[in-house]
Amino acid sequence: MAESSRRAARVSRKGGLPNALFLVAAAERLPEELRAIAAEVTILFPWGSLLRGALALDDAAEAAAGISSLVAPGGIARAFLSIDPRDRLTIPALDATDGADVAARWARHGLRLTAFESAPSAEVDASKSSWARRLATGRGREVWRLVLRAADLASTRAADAPVAANEPGP
């Protein structure tokens, strides 16, 4: 994170990102000031409670709620996940049939799963994740790409608008 924050601090013409925010905090306990602040959230190869949160598995820990709270209306969250039996996790390895379950869990947190697929090696490499290199992704280790979208503000307002008694519902 130190190297990424250093690069982000560069002037814009040299690739800097003046609106990037770097924070060390548990997803379960994010500051209220960050609610709906991010147009884009990226999660690269999480482990432990963040991995469970990225799959919206553990409502008790509320990592998924924390992740979804960051995403602004119309925003997007992307995650690259890799779970292998060799990891000896309590989370089973993913396969293509898990998409519907993941989508249903994320829907409870207000995000719609728009992609759940095996990640192409080029995308994994483009993430420049040192953790991906350590895990030896792409060499017999499956990587899954999840894309989650928050409803945009107009859709949210329309869904929340009262329906007149003589008008059909949505």
C-alpha atoms as a PDB file:
ATOM      1  CA  MET A   1       0.000   0.000   0.000  1.00  0.00           C
ATOM      2  CA  ALA A   2       2.923   2.357   0.651  1.00  0.00           C
ATOM      3  CA  GLU A   3       4.131   2.094  -2.947  1.00  0.00           C
ATOM      4  CA  SER A   4       0.601   2.568  -4.337  1.00  0.00           C
ATOM      5  CA  SER A   5      -0.002   5.640  -2.191  1.00  0.00           C
ATOM      6  CA  ARG A   6       3.359   7.084  -3.290  1.00  0.00           C
ATOM      7  CA  ARG A   7       2.417   6.616  -6.964  1.00  0.00           C
ATOM      8  CA  ALA A   8      -1.047   8.086  -6.370  1.00  0.00           C
ATOM      9  CA  ALA A   9       0.511  11.205  -4.813  1.00  0.00           C
ATOM     10  CA  ARG A  10       2.247  12.065  -8.096  1.00  0.00           C
ATOM     11  CA  VAL A  11       0.881  14.941 -10.142  1.00  0.00           C
ATOM     12  CA  SER A  12      -1.925  13.870 -12.475  1.00  0.00           C
ATOM     13  CA  ARG A  13       0.159  14.251 -15.637  1.00  0.00           C
ATOM     14  CA  LYS A  14       2.577  11.666 -14.220  1.00  0.00           C
ATOM     15  CA  GLY A  15      -0.138   9.140 -13.401  1.00  0.00           C
ATOM     16  CA  GLY A  16      -1.160  10.439  -9.987  1.00  0.00           C
ATOM     17  CA  LEU A  17      -4.618   9.886  -8.608  1.00  0.00           C
ATOM     18  CA  PRO A  18      -5.483  12.918  -6.484  1.00  0.00           C
ATOM     19  CA  ASN A  19      -8.801  11.421  -5.345  1.00  0.00           C
ATOM     20  CA  ALA A  20      -7.375   8.066  -4.200  1.00  0.00           C
ATOM     21  CA  LEU A  21      -7.851   7.248  -0.543  1.00  0.00           C
ATOM     22  CA  PHE A  22      -5.719   4.702   1.287  1.00  0.00           C
ATOM     23  CA  LEU A  23      -6.969   3.406   4.592  1.00  0.00           C
ATOM     24  CA  VAL A  24      -6.049   0.655   6.990  1.00  0.00           C
ATOM     25  CA  ALA A  25      -9.257  -0.471   8.681  1.00  0.00           C
ATOM     26  CA  ALA A  26     -11.324  -3.593   9.146  1.00  0.00           C
ATOM     27  CA  ALA A  27     -14.115  -3.869   6.585  1.00  0.00           C
ATOM     28  CA  GLU A  28     -16.458  -4.638   9.479  1.00  0.00           C
ATOM     29  CA  ARG A  29     -15.707  -1.312  11.191  1.00  0.00           C
ATOM     30  CA  LEU A  30     -15.301   1.360   8.538  1.00  0.00           C
ATOM     31  CA  PRO A  31     -15.660   5.012   9.520  1.00  0.00           C
ATOM     32  CA  GLU A  32     -19.150   6.418   8.877  1.00  0.00           C
ATOM     33  CA  GLU A  33     -17.569   9.214   6.786  1.00  0.00           C
ATOM     34  CA  LEU A  34     -16.782   6.628   4.094  1.00  0.00           C
ATOM     35  CA  ARG A  35     -20.419   5.605   3.542  1.00  0.00           C
ATOM     36  CA  ALA A  36     -21.243   5.662  -0.205  1.00  0.00           C
ATOM     37  CA  ILE A  37     -18.000   7.498  -0.996  1.00  0.00           C
ATOM     38  CA  ALA A  38     -16.462   5.200  -3.632  1.00  0.00           C
ATOM     39  CA  ALA A  39     -17.400   5.042  -7.287  1.00  0.00           C
ATOM     40  CA  GLU A  40     -15.173   1.975  -7.490  1.00  0.00           C
ATOM     41  CA  VAL A  41     -13.957  -0.535  -4.903  1.00  0.00           C
ATOM     42  CA  THR A  42     -11.330  -3.142  -5.785  1.00  0.00           C
ATOM     43  CA  ILE A  43     -10.560  -6.191  -3.666  1.00  0.00           C
ATOM     44  CA  LEU A  44      -7.538  -8.232  -4.709  1.00  0.00           C
ATOM     45  CA  PHE A  45      -7.062 -11.750  -3.388  1.00  0.00           C
ATOM     46  CA  PRO A  46      -8.536 -11.300   0.084  1.00  0.00           C
ATOM     47  CA  TRP A  47      -7.895 -13.732   2.916  1.00  0.00           C
ATOM     48  CA  GLY A  48      -9.638 -14.477   6.206  1.00  0.00           C
ATOM     49  CA  SER A  49     -12.656 -12.374   7.124  1.00  0.00           C
ATOM     50  CA  LEU A  50     -12.264 -10.165   4.040  1.00  0.00           C
ATOM     51  CA  LEU A  51     -12.456 -13.256   1.811  1.00  0.00           C
ATOM     52  CA  ARG A  52     -15.638 -14.320   3.609  1.00  0.00           C
ATOM     53  CA  GLY A  53     -16.923 -10.760   3.187  1.00  0.00           C
ATOM     54  CA  ALA A  54     -16.084 -10.671  -0.529  1.00  0.00           C
ATOM     55  CA  LEU A  55     -18.281 -13.750  -0.920  1.00  0.00           C
ATOM     56  CA  ALA A  56     -20.917 -12.270   1.459  1.00  0.00           C
ATOM     57  CA  LEU A  57     -20.630 -15.452   3.517  1.00  0.00           C
ATOM     58  CA  ASP A  58     -20.460 -14.163   7.026  1.00  0.00           C
ATOM     59  CA  ASP A  59     -23.207 -11.729   7.951  1.00  0.00           C
ATOM     60  CA  ALA A  60     -22.188 -11.941  11.613  1.00  0.00           C
ATOM     61  CA  ALA A  61     -18.783 -10.380  10.889  1.00  0.00           C
ATOM     62  CA  GLU A  62     -20.425  -7.818   8.607  1.00  0.00           C
ATOM     63  CA  ALA A  63     -17.478  -7.495   6.228  1.00  0.00           C
ATOM     64  CA  ALA A  64     -19.888  -7.688   3.283  1.00  0.00           C
ATOM     65  CA  ALA A  65     -21.997  -4.911   4.800  1.00  0.00           C
ATOM     66  CA  GLY A  66     -18.848  -2.829   5.207  1.00  0.00           C
ATOM     67  CA  ILE A  67     -17.812  -3.402   1.601  1.00  0.00           C
ATOM     68  CA  SER A  68     -21.264  -2.549   0.266  1.00  0.00           C
ATOM     69  CA  SER A  69     -21.449   0.563   2.460  1.00  0.00           C
ATOM     70  CA  LEU A  70     -18.457   2.037   0.610  1.00  0.00           C
ATOM     71  CA  VAL A  71     -20.041   1.811  -2.847  1.00  0.00           C
ATOM     72  CA  ALA A  72     -21.794   4.980  -4.005  1.00  0.00           C
ATOM     73  CA  PRO A  73     -25.081   4.809  -5.939  1.00  0.00           C
ATOM     74  CA  GLY A  74     -24.227   3.652  -9.459  1.00  0.00           C
ATOM     75  CA  GLY A  75     -20.815   2.477  -8.213  1.00  0.00           C
ATOM     76  CA  ILE A  76     -19.049  -0.798  -8.764  1.00  0.00           C
ATOM     77  CA  ALA A  77     -17.075  -3.273  -6.670  1.00  0.00           C
ATOM     78  CA  ARG A  78     -14.665  -5.725  -8.278  1.00  0.00           C
ATOM     79  CA  ALA A  79     -12.942  -8.640  -6.641  1.00  0.00           C
ATOM     80  CA  PHE A  80     -10.422 -11.259  -7.664  1.00  0.00           C
ATOM     81  CA  LEU A  81     -10.688 -14.355  -5.487  1.00  0.00           C
ATOM     82  CA  SER A  82      -8.765 -17.588  -5.386  1.00  0.00           C
ATOM     83  CA  ILE A  83      -9.648 -20.488  -3.121  1.00  0.00           C
ATOM     84  CA  ASP A  84      -7.839 -23.753  -3.479  1.00  0.00           C
ATOM     85  CA  PRO A  85      -8.226 -26.964  -1.426  1.00  0.00           C
ATOM     86  CA  ARG A  86      -4.490 -26.696  -0.652  1.00  0.00           C
ATOM     87  CA  ASP A  87      -5.280 -23.551   1.360  1.00  0.00           C
ATOM     88  CA  ARG A  88      -7.138 -25.679   3.924  1.00  0.00           C
ATOM     89  CA  LEU A  89      -9.785 -23.000   4.414  1.00  0.00           C
ATOM     90  CA  THR A  90     -13.271 -23.560   5.758  1.00  0.00           C
ATOM     91  CA  ILE A  91     -14.522 -22.034   2.507  1.00  0.00           C
ATOM     92  CA  PRO A  92     -14.872 -24.581  -0.296  1.00  0.00           C
ATOM     93  CA  ALA A  93     -13.314 -23.901  -3.688  1.00  0.00           C
ATOM     94  CA  LEU A  94     -15.596 -22.004  -6.062  1.00  0.00           C
ATOM     95  CA  ASP A  95     -17.073 -23.280  -9.293  1.00  0.00           C
ATOM     96  CA  ALA A  96     -19.398 -21.865 -11.946  1.00  0.00           C
ATOM     97  CA  THR A  97     -22.496 -23.136 -10.129  1.00  0.00           C
ATOM     98  CA  ASP A  98     -21.826 -20.859  -7.117  1.00  0.00           C
ATOM     99  CA  GLY A  99     -22.821 -17.656  -8.936  1.00  0.00           C
ATOM    100  CA  ALA A 100     -26.517 -17.758  -8.011  1.00  0.00           C
ATOM    101  CA  ASP A 101     -25.752 -18.227  -4.314  1.00  0.00           C
ATOM    102  CA  VAL A 102     -23.189 -15.420  -4.332  1.00  0.00           C
ATOM    103  CA  ALA A 103     -25.674 -13.153  -6.153  1.00  0.00           C
ATOM    104  CA  ALA A 104     -28.425 -13.864  -3.623  1.00  0.00           C
ATOM    105  CA  ARG A 105     -26.125 -13.115  -0.680  1.00  0.00           C
ATOM    106  CA  TRP A 106     -24.914  -9.837  -2.198  1.00  0.00           C
ATOM    107  CA  ALA A 107     -28.475  -8.784  -3.053  1.00  0.00           C
ATOM    108  CA  ARG A 108     -29.169  -8.732   0.698  1.00  0.00           C
ATOM    109  CA  HIS A 109     -26.450  -6.074   0.934  1.00  0.00           C
ATOM    110  CA  GLY A 110     -27.821  -3.969  -1.922  1.00  0.00           C
ATOM    111  CA  LEU A 111     -25.343  -4.957  -4.621  1.00  0.00           C
ATOM    112  CA  ARG A 112     -26.184  -6.807  -7.833  1.00  0.00           C
ATOM    113  CA  LEU A 113     -23.716  -9.425  -9.055  1.00  0.00           C
ATOM    114  CA  THR A 114     -23.129  -8.727 -12.758  1.00  0.00           C
ATOM    115  CA  ALA A 115     -20.158 -11.035 -13.323  1.00  0.00           C
ATOM    116  CA  PHE A 116     -18.992 -14.237 -11.688  1.00  0.00           C
ATOM    117  CA  GLU A 117     -16.476 -15.925 -13.917  1.00  0.00           C
ATOM    118  CA  SER A 118     -13.046 -17.392 -14.226  1.00  0.00           C
ATOM    119  CA  ALA A 119     -10.650 -14.461 -14.529  1.00  0.00           C
ATOM    120  CA  PRO A 120      -8.474 -14.287 -17.615  1.00  0.00           C
ATOM    121  CA  SER A 121      -4.740 -14.448 -16.872  1.00  0.00           C
ATOM    122  CA  ALA A 122      -4.237 -11.070 -18.543  1.00  0.00           C
ATOM    123  CA  GLU A 123      -6.617  -9.413 -16.056  1.00  0.00           C
ATOM    124  CA  VAL A 124      -4.960 -11.100 -13.098  1.00  0.00           C
ATOM    125  CA  ASP A 125      -1.534  -9.995 -14.365  1.00  0.00           C
ATOM    126  CA  ALA A 126      -2.831  -6.456 -14.961  1.00  0.00           C
ATOM    127  CA  SER A 127      -3.831  -6.262 -11.279  1.00  0.00           C
ATOM    128  CA  LYS A 128      -0.087  -6.264 -10.465  1.00  0.00           C
ATOM    129  CA  SER A 129      -0.933  -8.037  -7.235  1.00  0.00           C
ATOM    130  CA  SER A 130       2.108  -9.381  -5.421  1.00  0.00           C
ATOM    131  CA  TRP A 131      -0.251 -11.717  -3.542  1.00  0.00           C
ATOM    132  CA  ALA A 132      -1.438 -13.185  -6.864  1.00  0.00           C
ATOM    133  CA  ARG A 133       2.186 -13.930  -7.717  1.00  0.00           C
ATOM    134  CA  ARG A 134       2.762 -15.570  -4.324  1.00  0.00           C
ATOM    135  CA  LEU A 135      -0.332 -17.713  -4.755  1.00  0.00           C
ATOM    136  CA  ALA A 136       0.952 -18.747  -8.190  1.00  0.00           C
ATOM    137  CA  THR A 137      -2.377 -17.886  -9.784  1.00  0.00           C
ATOM    138  CA  GLY A 138      -2.709 -19.042 -13.348  1.00  0.00           C
ATOM    139  CA  ARG A 139      -0.588 -22.144 -12.694  1.00  0.00           C
ATOM    140  CA  GLY A 140      -3.176 -24.675 -11.644  1.00  0.00           C
ATOM    141  CA  ARG A 141      -4.939 -22.213  -9.351  1.00  0.00           C
ATOM    142  CA  GLU A 142      -8.321 -20.831 -10.420  1.00  0.00           C
ATOM    143  CA  VAL A 143      -9.029 -17.119 -10.027  1.00  0.00           C
ATOM    144  CA  TRP A 144     -12.605 -15.839  -9.959  1.00  0.00           C
ATOM    145  CA  ARG A 145     -13.669 -12.356 -10.981  1.00  0.00           C
ATOM    146  CA  LEU A 146     -16.714 -10.850  -9.308  1.00  0.00           C
ATOM    147  CA  VAL A 147     -18.300  -7.581 -10.391  1.00  0.00           C
ATOM    148  CA  LEU A 148     -20.966  -6.022  -8.197  1.00  0.00           C
ATOM    149  CA  ARG A 149     -23.016  -2.924  -8.980  1.00  0.00           C
ATOM    150  CA  ALA A 150     -25.002  -0.596  -6.773  1.00  0.00           C
ATOM    151  CA  ALA A 151     -28.251   0.814  -8.106  1.00  0.00           C
ATOM    152  CA  ASP A 152     -27.839   4.339  -9.405  1.00  0.00           C
ATOM    153  CA  LEU A 153     -29.500   7.173  -7.532  1.00  0.00           C
ATOM    154  CA  ALA A 154     -32.296   7.590 -10.104  1.00  0.00           C
ATOM    155  CA  SER A 155     -33.165   3.881  -9.888  1.00  0.00           C
ATOM    156  CA  THR A 156     -33.052   4.016  -6.101  1.00  0.00           C
ATOM    157  CA  ARG A 157     -35.367   7.041  -5.993  1.00  0.00           C
ATOM    158  CA  ALA A 158     -37.782   5.433  -8.469  1.00  0.00           C
ATOM    159  CA  ALA A 159     -37.877   2.218  -6.437  1.00  0.00           C
ATOM    160  CA  ASP A 160     -38.469   4.178  -3.220  1.00  0.00           C
ATOM    161  CA  ALA A 161     -41.156   6.445  -4.691  1.00  0.00           C
ATOM    162  CA  PRO A 162     -44.648   5.764  -3.406  1.00  0.00           C
ATOM    163  CA  VAL A 163     -47.013   4.175  -5.908  1.00  0.00           C
ATOM    164  CA  ALA A 164     -50.423   5.800  -6.225  1.00  0.00           C
ATOM    165  CA  ALA A 165     -53.346   3.487  -5.446  1.00  0.00           C
ATOM    166  CA  ASN A 166     -54.576   3.532  -9.050  1.00  0.00           C
ATOM    167  CA  GLU A 167     -51.167   2.901 -10.614  1.00  0.00           C
ATOM    168  CA  PRO A 168     -49.665  -0.539 -11.140  1.00  0.00           C
ATOM    169  CA  GLY A 169     -46.662  -1.405  -8.985  1.00  0.00           C
ATOM    170  CA  PRO A 170     -43.144  -1.964 -10.362  1.00  0.00           C
END
